[in-house]
Protein backbone atom coordinates (compact mmCIF):
# COMPACT_ATOMS: atom_id res chain seq x y z
CA UNK A 1 -11.91 15.87 -102.42
CA UNK A 2 -13.57 13.59 -104.95
CA UNK A 3 -10.36 12.84 -106.85
CA UNK A 4 -7.85 10.68 -105.02
CA UNK A 5 -5.46 9.95 -107.87
CA UNK A 6 -4.23 11.82 -110.91
CA UNK A 7 -3.86 9.96 -114.18
CA UNK A 8 -2.25 10.97 -117.43
CA UNK A 9 -4.67 12.65 -119.85
CA UNK A 10 -6.04 10.29 -122.46
CA UNK A 11 -6.62 12.96 -125.13
CA UNK A 12 -5.64 16.47 -126.08
CA UNK A 13 -7.76 19.44 -127.15
CA UNK A 14 -7.36 18.66 -130.84
CA UNK A 15 -8.72 15.16 -130.26
CA UNK A 16 -11.61 16.43 -128.14
CA UNK A 17 -12.67 18.94 -130.80
CA UNK A 18 -11.98 16.68 -133.79
CA UNK A 19 -15.65 16.69 -134.87
CA UNK A 20 -16.36 20.32 -133.97
CA UNK A 21 -18.55 22.54 -136.13
CA UNK A 22 -17.24 26.02 -136.82
CA UNK A 23 -20.35 27.51 -138.43
CA UNK A 24 -22.20 27.99 -135.12
CA UNK A 25 -21.69 30.30 -132.16
CA UNK A 26 -22.39 27.42 -129.76
CA UNK A 27 -25.14 24.98 -128.77
CA UNK A 28 -27.64 27.86 -128.37
CA UNK A 29 -27.00 29.26 -131.85
CA UNK A 30 -30.27 30.74 -133.12
CA UNK A 31 -31.74 31.40 -129.66
CA UNK A 32 -32.45 35.08 -128.95
CA UNK A 33 -32.30 36.44 -125.39
CA UNK A 34 -33.30 39.88 -124.12
CA UNK A 35 -31.16 40.97 -121.18
CA UNK A 36 -32.92 43.52 -118.95
CA UNK A 37 -30.58 43.29 -116.00
CA UNK A 38 -28.26 45.15 -113.67
CA UNK A 39 -25.25 44.52 -111.41
CA UNK A 40 -24.26 40.79 -111.52
CA UNK A 41 -26.89 38.10 -110.83
CA UNK A 42 -28.96 38.77 -113.95
CA UNK A 43 -26.03 39.81 -116.17
CA UNK A 44 -24.09 36.62 -115.38
CA UNK A 45 -27.12 34.54 -116.40
CA UNK A 46 -27.34 36.26 -119.78
CA UNK A 47 -23.53 36.10 -120.05
CA UNK A 48 -23.59 32.31 -119.77
CA UNK A 49 -26.40 32.14 -122.35
CA UNK A 50 -24.33 34.38 -124.65
CA UNK A 51 -21.25 32.21 -124.12
CA UNK A 52 -23.39 29.19 -125.08
CA UNK A 53 -24.06 30.87 -128.41
CA UNK A 54 -27.34 32.74 -127.90
CA UNK A 55 -27.85 36.15 -129.53
CA UNK A 56 -28.14 38.26 -126.38
CA UNK A 57 -29.53 41.79 -126.76
CA UNK A 58 -28.74 43.85 -123.69
CA UNK A 59 -31.46 46.42 -123.07
CA UNK A 60 -29.99 49.21 -120.95
CA UNK A 61 -30.54 52.86 -120.17
CA UNK A 62 -29.08 55.20 -122.81
CA UNK A 63 -25.67 56.35 -121.61
CA UNK A 64 -25.75 53.70 -118.90
CA UNK A 65 -22.85 53.99 -116.44
CA UNK A 66 -23.89 51.05 -114.26
CA UNK A 67 -21.33 48.29 -114.35
CA UNK A 68 -18.38 50.58 -115.06
CA UNK A 69 -16.82 49.95 -111.67
CA UNK A 70 -13.07 50.37 -111.19
CA UNK A 71 -10.48 49.18 -111.71
CA UNK A 72 -10.05 49.36 -115.46
CA UNK A 73 -8.27 46.45 -117.12
CA UNK A 74 -4.71 47.75 -117.52
CA UNK A 75 -4.03 49.14 -120.98
CA UNK A 76 -7.68 49.22 -122.04
CA UNK A 77 -9.38 52.09 -120.25
CA UNK A 78 -12.38 49.78 -119.81
CA UNK A 79 -13.92 48.39 -116.62
CA UNK A 80 -13.14 44.80 -115.63
CA UNK A 81 -16.72 44.51 -114.39
CA UNK A 82 -18.50 45.30 -117.65
CA UNK A 83 -16.02 43.39 -119.79
CA UNK A 84 -16.35 40.30 -117.57
CA UNK A 85 -20.12 40.03 -117.51
CA UNK A 86 -21.31 41.63 -120.78
CA UNK A 87 -18.98 40.04 -123.35
CA UNK A 88 -20.57 38.24 -126.31
CA UNK A 89 -23.64 40.53 -126.14
CA UNK A 90 -25.11 43.36 -128.20
CA UNK A 91 -26.46 46.54 -126.58
CA UNK A 92 -29.51 48.65 -127.29
CA UNK A 93 -30.08 51.91 -125.40
CA UNK A 94 -33.74 51.93 -124.32
CA UNK A 95 -35.21 53.72 -121.30
CA UNK A 96 -38.26 51.66 -120.36
CA UNK A 97 -39.56 54.50 -118.20
CA UNK A 98 -40.08 56.78 -121.24
CA UNK A 99 -43.10 57.05 -123.57
CA UNK A 100 -42.91 54.71 -126.52
CA UNK A 101 -40.21 52.51 -124.99
CA UNK A 102 -42.57 49.71 -123.94
CA UNK A 103 -43.84 49.34 -127.51
CA UNK A 104 -40.28 49.03 -128.80
CA UNK A 105 -39.40 46.52 -126.11
CA UNK A 106 -42.41 44.36 -126.91
CA UNK A 107 -41.36 44.36 -130.56
CA UNK A 108 -38.09 42.90 -129.39
CA UNK A 109 -39.92 40.37 -127.20
CA UNK A 110 -41.86 39.19 -130.24
CA UNK A 111 -38.54 38.04 -131.74
CA UNK A 112 -37.10 36.58 -128.53
CA UNK A 113 -37.07 33.14 -126.98
CA UNK A 114 -36.01 34.22 -123.49
CA UNK A 115 -36.17 37.43 -121.47
CA UNK A 116 -33.89 37.68 -118.42
CA UNK A 117 -34.52 40.40 -115.82
CA UNK A 118 -33.44 41.01 -112.23
CA UNK A 119 -35.34 44.06 -111.07
CA UNK A 120 -37.45 44.15 -107.93
CA UNK A 121 -40.61 42.06 -108.47
CA UNK A 122 -43.31 44.13 -110.17
CA UNK A 123 -40.94 46.63 -111.81
CA UNK A 124 -41.41 45.32 -115.35
CA UNK A 125 -45.18 45.24 -114.79
CA UNK A 126 -45.08 48.92 -113.79
CA UNK A 127 -43.22 49.69 -117.04
CA UNK A 128 -45.85 47.83 -119.07
CA UNK A 129 -43.51 45.02 -120.10
CA UNK A 130 -44.19 42.34 -117.47
CA UNK A 131 -44.92 38.68 -118.17
CA UNK A 132 -48.57 39.34 -119.06
CA UNK A 133 -47.61 41.89 -121.71
CA UNK A 134 -44.70 39.81 -123.00
CA UNK A 135 -46.82 36.72 -123.56
CA UNK A 136 -49.39 38.77 -125.49
CA UNK A 137 -46.80 39.36 -128.21
CA UNK A 138 -44.94 36.06 -127.78
CA UNK A 139 -47.17 33.42 -126.15
CA UNK A 140 -44.35 30.89 -125.80
CA UNK A 141 -41.80 33.34 -124.36
CA UNK A 142 -39.73 32.28 -121.35
CA UNK A 143 -39.36 35.11 -118.84
CA UNK A 144 -36.63 34.46 -116.26
CA UNK A 145 -36.81 36.72 -113.20
CA UNK A 146 -33.90 36.81 -110.74
CA UNK A 147 -34.36 38.63 -107.43
CA UNK A 148 -33.13 38.54 -103.87
CA UNK A 149 -36.09 36.72 -102.35
CA UNK A 150 -38.28 35.63 -105.26
CA UNK A 151 -41.53 36.77 -106.87
CA UNK A 152 -43.68 35.87 -103.85
CA UNK A 153 -43.36 35.41 -100.09
CA UNK A 154 -43.21 37.91 -97.21
CA UNK A 155 -39.76 39.23 -98.25
CA UNK A 156 -40.41 39.45 -102.00
CA UNK A 157 -40.27 43.25 -102.04
CA UNK A 158 -37.10 43.54 -99.98
CA UNK A 159 -33.94 44.50 -101.87
CA UNK A 160 -31.30 41.79 -101.95
CA UNK A 161 -27.58 41.97 -102.57
CA UNK A 162 -24.97 39.24 -102.62
CA UNK A 163 -23.52 39.77 -99.08
CA UNK A 164 -26.92 40.21 -97.44
CA UNK A 165 -28.09 37.01 -99.11
CA UNK A 166 -25.06 35.18 -97.71
CA UNK A 167 -26.03 36.52 -94.28
CA UNK A 168 -29.71 35.58 -94.64
CA UNK A 169 -29.01 32.05 -95.87
CA UNK A 170 -26.82 31.04 -92.93
CA UNK A 171 -23.84 30.65 -95.25
CA UNK A 172 -21.91 33.57 -93.77
CA UNK A 173 -22.32 32.21 -90.25
CA UNK A 174 -20.24 29.16 -91.23
CA UNK A 175 -17.52 31.01 -93.14
CA UNK A 176 -14.37 32.13 -91.35
CA UNK A 177 -12.11 30.95 -88.59
CA UNK A 178 -13.74 29.03 -85.72
CA UNK A 179 -13.13 31.83 -83.21
CA UNK A 180 -13.43 34.73 -85.68
CA UNK A 181 -16.24 36.81 -87.09
CA UNK A 182 -18.51 35.63 -89.90
CA UNK A 183 -17.04 36.37 -93.34
CA UNK A 184 -18.62 36.87 -96.74
CA UNK A 185 -17.26 35.14 -99.82
CA UNK A 186 -14.58 37.08 -101.73
CA UNK A 187 -16.55 36.49 -104.93
CA UNK A 188 -20.22 37.22 -105.76
CA UNK A 189 -21.26 33.76 -104.66
CA UNK A 190 -25.02 34.25 -104.28
CA UNK A 191 -25.17 36.27 -107.50
CA UNK A 192 -23.24 33.62 -109.43
CA UNK A 193 -25.34 30.74 -108.12
CA UNK A 194 -28.59 32.57 -108.87
CA UNK A 195 -27.30 33.32 -112.36
CA UNK A 196 -26.43 29.67 -112.98
CA UNK A 197 -29.82 28.51 -111.67
CA UNK A 198 -31.42 31.09 -113.98
CA UNK A 199 -29.61 29.49 -116.93
CA UNK A 200 -30.73 26.03 -115.83
CA UNK A 201 -34.29 27.30 -115.51
CA UNK A 202 -34.19 28.96 -118.92
CA UNK A 203 -32.88 25.83 -120.63
CA UNK A 204 -35.43 23.59 -118.89
CA UNK A 205 -38.25 25.97 -119.85
CA UNK A 206 -37.03 26.06 -123.47
CA UNK A 207 -37.04 22.27 -123.53
CA UNK A 208 -40.64 22.27 -122.27
CA UNK A 209 -41.59 24.92 -124.84
CA UNK A 210 -40.06 22.90 -127.66
CA UNK A 211 -42.12 19.86 -126.63
CA UNK A 212 -45.42 21.59 -125.84
CA UNK A 213 -45.37 25.09 -127.31
CA UNK A 214 -45.88 26.51 -123.83
CA UNK A 215 -43.84 29.39 -122.43
CA UNK A 216 -43.64 30.24 -118.73
CA UNK A 217 -42.34 32.57 -116.03
CA UNK A 218 -39.22 31.23 -114.29
CA UNK A 219 -38.67 32.59 -110.76
CA UNK A 220 -35.11 32.44 -109.37
CA UNK A 221 -34.29 33.70 -105.88
CA UNK A 222 -30.73 34.43 -104.77
CA UNK A 223 -31.66 33.15 -101.31
CA UNK A 224 -33.11 29.91 -102.70
CA UNK A 225 -30.10 29.39 -104.94
CA UNK A 226 -27.60 29.75 -102.11
CA UNK A 227 -29.64 27.51 -99.82
CA UNK A 228 -29.89 24.85 -102.53
CA UNK A 229 -26.12 24.94 -102.99
CA UNK A 230 -25.34 24.67 -99.28
CA UNK A 231 -24.66 20.91 -99.30
CA UNK A 232 -27.64 19.87 -97.22
CA UNK A 233 -26.89 22.22 -94.32
CA UNK A 234 -30.44 23.64 -94.50
CA UNK A 235 -31.77 20.15 -93.71
CA UNK A 236 -29.39 19.83 -90.78
CA UNK A 237 -30.39 23.28 -89.54
CA UNK A 238 -34.08 22.48 -89.90
CA UNK A 239 -33.67 19.32 -87.83
CA UNK A 240 -31.67 20.95 -85.06
CA UNK A 241 -28.26 19.51 -85.85
CA UNK A 242 -25.64 22.00 -84.56
CA UNK A 243 -23.31 23.38 -87.23
CA UNK A 244 -19.94 24.93 -86.52
CA UNK A 245 -17.40 27.00 -88.38
CA UNK A 246 -14.32 25.08 -89.52
CA UNK A 247 -12.18 27.69 -91.28
CA UNK A 248 -9.91 25.87 -93.75
CA UNK A 249 -10.52 22.48 -92.11
CA UNK A 250 -13.14 19.93 -93.09
CA UNK A 251 -15.56 18.50 -90.58
CA UNK A 252 -15.66 14.99 -92.00
CA UNK A 253 -12.10 14.16 -93.11
CA UNK A 254 -8.71 14.60 -91.40
CA UNK A 255 -6.19 15.76 -92.42
CA UNK A 256 -7.71 18.38 -94.73
CA UNK A 257 -6.54 21.97 -94.58
CA UNK A 258 -3.85 24.53 -95.38
CA UNK A 259 -0.33 23.74 -94.23
CA UNK A 260 2.50 26.28 -94.20
CA UNK A 261 5.55 25.50 -96.30
CA UNK A 262 8.84 27.33 -96.66
CA UNK A 263 7.46 29.57 -99.43
CA UNK A 264 3.68 29.57 -99.03
CA UNK A 265 0.81 27.24 -98.22
CA UNK A 266 -0.41 23.92 -99.59
CA UNK A 267 -3.91 22.52 -99.18
CA UNK A 268 -3.82 18.80 -98.42
CA UNK A 269 -6.93 16.63 -98.46
CA UNK A 270 -6.88 13.00 -97.31
CA UNK A 271 -10.33 11.51 -97.73
CA UNK A 272 -9.56 7.78 -97.60
CA UNK A 273 -7.74 5.63 -95.07
CA UNK A 274 -5.53 4.14 -97.78
CA UNK A 275 -4.47 7.68 -98.68
CA UNK A 276 -3.54 8.27 -95.05
CA UNK A 277 -1.37 5.14 -95.12
CA UNK A 278 0.45 6.48 -98.19
CA UNK A 279 0.83 9.89 -96.55
CA UNK A 280 2.32 8.33 -93.42
CA UNK A 281 5.01 6.76 -95.61
CA UNK A 282 5.67 10.03 -97.45
CA UNK A 283 6.14 12.08 -94.26
CA UNK A 284 8.48 9.48 -92.80
CA UNK A 285 6.09 8.23 -90.14
CA UNK A 286 5.09 4.76 -91.42
CA UNK A 287 4.38 3.58 -87.87
CA UNK A 288 1.33 5.91 -87.86
CA UNK A 289 -0.30 4.23 -90.86
CA UNK A 290 -2.36 1.85 -88.71
CA UNK A 291 -1.62 3.16 -85.22
CA UNK A 292 -4.45 3.83 -82.76
CA UNK A 293 -5.66 7.42 -83.19
CA UNK A 294 -4.52 7.46 -86.83
CA UNK A 295 -5.66 4.35 -88.67
CA UNK A 296 -9.23 5.37 -89.54
CA UNK A 297 -10.81 8.65 -90.45
CA UNK A 298 -13.02 8.45 -87.36
CA UNK A 299 -9.93 8.13 -85.16
CA UNK A 300 -8.19 10.96 -86.99
CA UNK A 301 -11.20 13.22 -86.52
CA UNK A 302 -10.97 12.65 -82.77
CA UNK A 303 -7.21 13.20 -82.93
CA UNK A 304 -7.33 16.19 -85.31
CA UNK A 305 -4.71 18.45 -83.70
CA UNK A 306 -2.10 15.70 -83.39
CA UNK A 307 -2.65 14.42 -86.92
CA UNK A 308 -2.46 17.95 -88.34
CA UNK A 309 0.77 18.54 -86.42
CA UNK A 310 2.41 15.54 -88.12
CA UNK A 311 1.60 16.94 -91.56
CA UNK A 312 2.48 20.51 -90.56
CA UNK A 313 5.92 19.51 -89.28
CA UNK A 314 6.73 17.71 -92.52
CA UNK A 315 5.54 20.60 -94.72
CA UNK A 316 7.32 23.32 -92.74
CA UNK A 317 10.82 22.56 -94.00
CA UNK A 318 9.87 22.05 -97.65
CA UNK A 319 8.79 24.26 -100.52
CA UNK A 320 5.27 24.10 -101.89
CA UNK A 321 6.60 22.51 -105.08
CA UNK A 322 8.39 19.79 -103.14
CA UNK A 323 5.30 19.02 -101.07
CA UNK A 324 2.93 18.88 -104.04
CA UNK A 325 5.35 16.78 -106.11
CA UNK A 326 5.81 14.24 -103.32
CA UNK A 327 2.09 13.96 -102.66
CA UNK A 328 1.19 13.86 -106.35
CA UNK A 329 3.60 10.99 -106.86
CA UNK A 330 1.71 9.02 -104.25
CA UNK A 331 -1.81 9.83 -105.42
CA UNK A 332 -2.57 12.20 -102.55
CA UNK A 333 -4.65 15.26 -103.37
CA UNK A 334 -2.77 18.49 -102.72
CA UNK A 335 -2.40 21.90 -104.33
CA UNK A 336 -0.40 25.02 -103.64
CA UNK A 337 -2.56 27.95 -102.55
CA UNK A 338 -2.20 30.35 -105.47
CA UNK A 339 -3.27 33.90 -106.20
CA UNK A 340 -5.50 34.62 -109.19
CA UNK A 341 -2.44 36.16 -110.86
CA UNK A 342 -0.61 32.85 -110.46
CA UNK A 343 -3.63 30.86 -111.65
CA UNK A 344 -3.78 33.04 -114.78
CA UNK A 345 -0.34 31.78 -115.83
CA UNK A 346 -0.97 28.09 -115.12
CA UNK A 347 -0.51 25.80 -118.16
CA UNK A 348 -3.65 23.83 -117.26
CA UNK A 349 -5.71 27.02 -117.16
CA UNK A 350 -4.39 27.97 -120.60
CA UNK A 351 -4.83 24.47 -122.02
CA UNK A 352 -8.50 24.72 -121.03
CA UNK A 353 -8.81 28.16 -122.71
CA UNK A 354 -9.91 29.73 -119.46
CA UNK A 355 -7.93 32.87 -120.36
CA UNK A 356 -8.87 34.17 -123.82
CA UNK A 357 -7.24 37.21 -125.37
CA UNK A 358 -10.19 39.24 -126.62
CA UNK A 359 -10.55 42.36 -128.77
CA UNK A 360 -12.61 44.92 -126.83
CA UNK A 361 -14.97 47.61 -128.09
CA UNK A 362 -12.24 50.27 -128.35
CA UNK A 363 -9.79 48.03 -130.19
CA UNK A 364 -7.69 47.18 -127.14
CA UNK A 365 -7.27 43.59 -126.02
CA UNK A 366 -7.63 41.89 -122.66
CA UNK A 367 -7.41 38.34 -121.27
CA UNK A 368 -11.04 37.58 -120.42
CA UNK A 369 -12.20 34.51 -118.53
CA UNK A 370 -13.36 31.80 -120.92
CA UNK A 371 -16.51 29.66 -120.68
CA UNK A 372 -16.28 26.78 -118.23
CA UNK A 373 -18.18 24.07 -120.12
CA UNK A 374 -16.56 22.53 -123.20
CA UNK A 375 -18.62 21.14 -126.13
CA UNK A 376 -16.94 18.78 -128.58
CA UNK A 377 -19.42 19.42 -131.41
CA UNK A 378 -20.45 23.05 -130.77
CA UNK A 379 -17.45 24.73 -129.13
CA UNK A 380 -17.88 28.06 -127.40
CA UNK A 381 -15.59 31.05 -126.96
CA UNK A 382 -15.42 34.68 -125.94
CA UNK A 383 -16.33 36.05 -129.36
CA UNK A 384 -16.30 39.76 -128.51
CA UNK A 385 -15.77 42.15 -125.64
CA UNK A 386 -18.65 44.01 -124.01
CA UNK A 387 -20.28 46.57 -126.31
CA UNK A 388 -20.44 50.23 -125.45
CA UNK A 389 -23.88 51.01 -123.96
CA UNK A 390 -26.36 51.41 -126.82
CA UNK A 391 -23.79 50.58 -129.50
CA UNK A 392 -26.19 48.36 -131.46
CA UNK A 393 -29.38 50.39 -131.04
CA UNK A 394 -29.98 51.31 -134.68
CA UNK A 395 -29.00 47.88 -136.01
CA UNK A 396 -31.29 46.07 -133.60
CA UNK A 397 -34.22 48.43 -134.21
CA UNK A 398 -33.78 47.92 -137.95
CA UNK A 399 -34.12 44.19 -137.33
CA UNK A 400 -37.53 44.64 -135.70
CA UNK A 401 -38.85 47.20 -138.18
CA UNK A 402 -38.50 50.46 -136.28
CA UNK A 403 -37.76 52.92 -139.12
CA UNK A 404 -35.56 56.01 -139.05
CA UNK A 405 -38.46 58.44 -138.52
CA UNK A 406 -39.75 56.44 -135.54
CA UNK A 407 -36.24 56.32 -134.09
CA UNK A 408 -35.94 60.09 -134.32
CA UNK A 409 -39.23 60.48 -132.43
CA UNK A 410 -38.03 58.06 -129.77
CA UNK A 411 -34.75 59.96 -129.45
CA UNK A 412 -36.63 63.19 -129.04
CA UNK A 413 -38.54 61.57 -126.18
CA UNK A 414 -35.20 60.29 -124.76
CA UNK A 415 -36.54 56.74 -124.97
CA UNK A 416 -33.59 55.49 -127.00
CA UNK A 417 -29.94 56.46 -127.14
């Protein structure tokens, strides 16, 4: 609701990238990251770092099947889950529970800038590769730990998953229809937010390291991340302000919500009184522009049902395209409610390279989601699909000086794949 008018673009992609360098993988070119993660919150953090150009080495169990959840991407035989979150990475098969594996891992740490992990607090310590051991071989290493509840506190040892975090944070209690049951997000919201905060923490710690030579342990909690991103509701809750569920409506502006059209729904958001005056003209009710109960947002909030009915009646006999076109022409924020399949074909989505046709590990191709942030000088891209588990083991071990004889011993111990 921050944008009230739409203006013609002032530049195109070619103009934006006119000074781009093409000899770098991105702004983090030259940074090495070890990814010791599972499921989504940790993997999405290392995915963003990989998208930004870092050399991300994924350390996973030999023959790892985690992350191969159905469905497969049609025509590829490969899981959407793994391809989405492990693209742009390399993979080494290393079982940190086996003899000799910790030594190999610490060799990798000695070459790394950042280690990202999201196991239960204390797990890496038990394997002999915790922060204390990592900083012995790389004193300025940045270890980023993502967990449900953080590295300390009374709940630190409790397992945490995305939906339970949404429940614990209070977020789920506010999601859904006013008279319905609490609902979780359809996406991995807590995981994604924790992953993004992990990236922010890693970059801030790298900046500090570059200035001072000091590494550190970065602690990211899924619960903390979701609370931080809850728009101040934790403050209101802490001070006793009652919060209620609004469904598709907004508490503070009216009208704002989904309205049924002849062929679907449109979300309309009117945040300013001048926008309401324009809307009143568009819907053929100019007398409501400054009428009591309509003129100000405060009045419209008190008159919510009646105001919404005016907009609903106008939308009902029109198509989504007609509604959006009429509102766009008058600088009123509105958008048809689309499916992801529809969004994937949108020209704006393609202009922003948010769908990138990518060659996968088996030679098939798939349209993977592109990086969100654009860099004019150091552009980023989906450079490769997710590797097969352990695909780069020998190459990576060569890089850190583990010779063929040592690798055979490690394979015999089932430490590497």
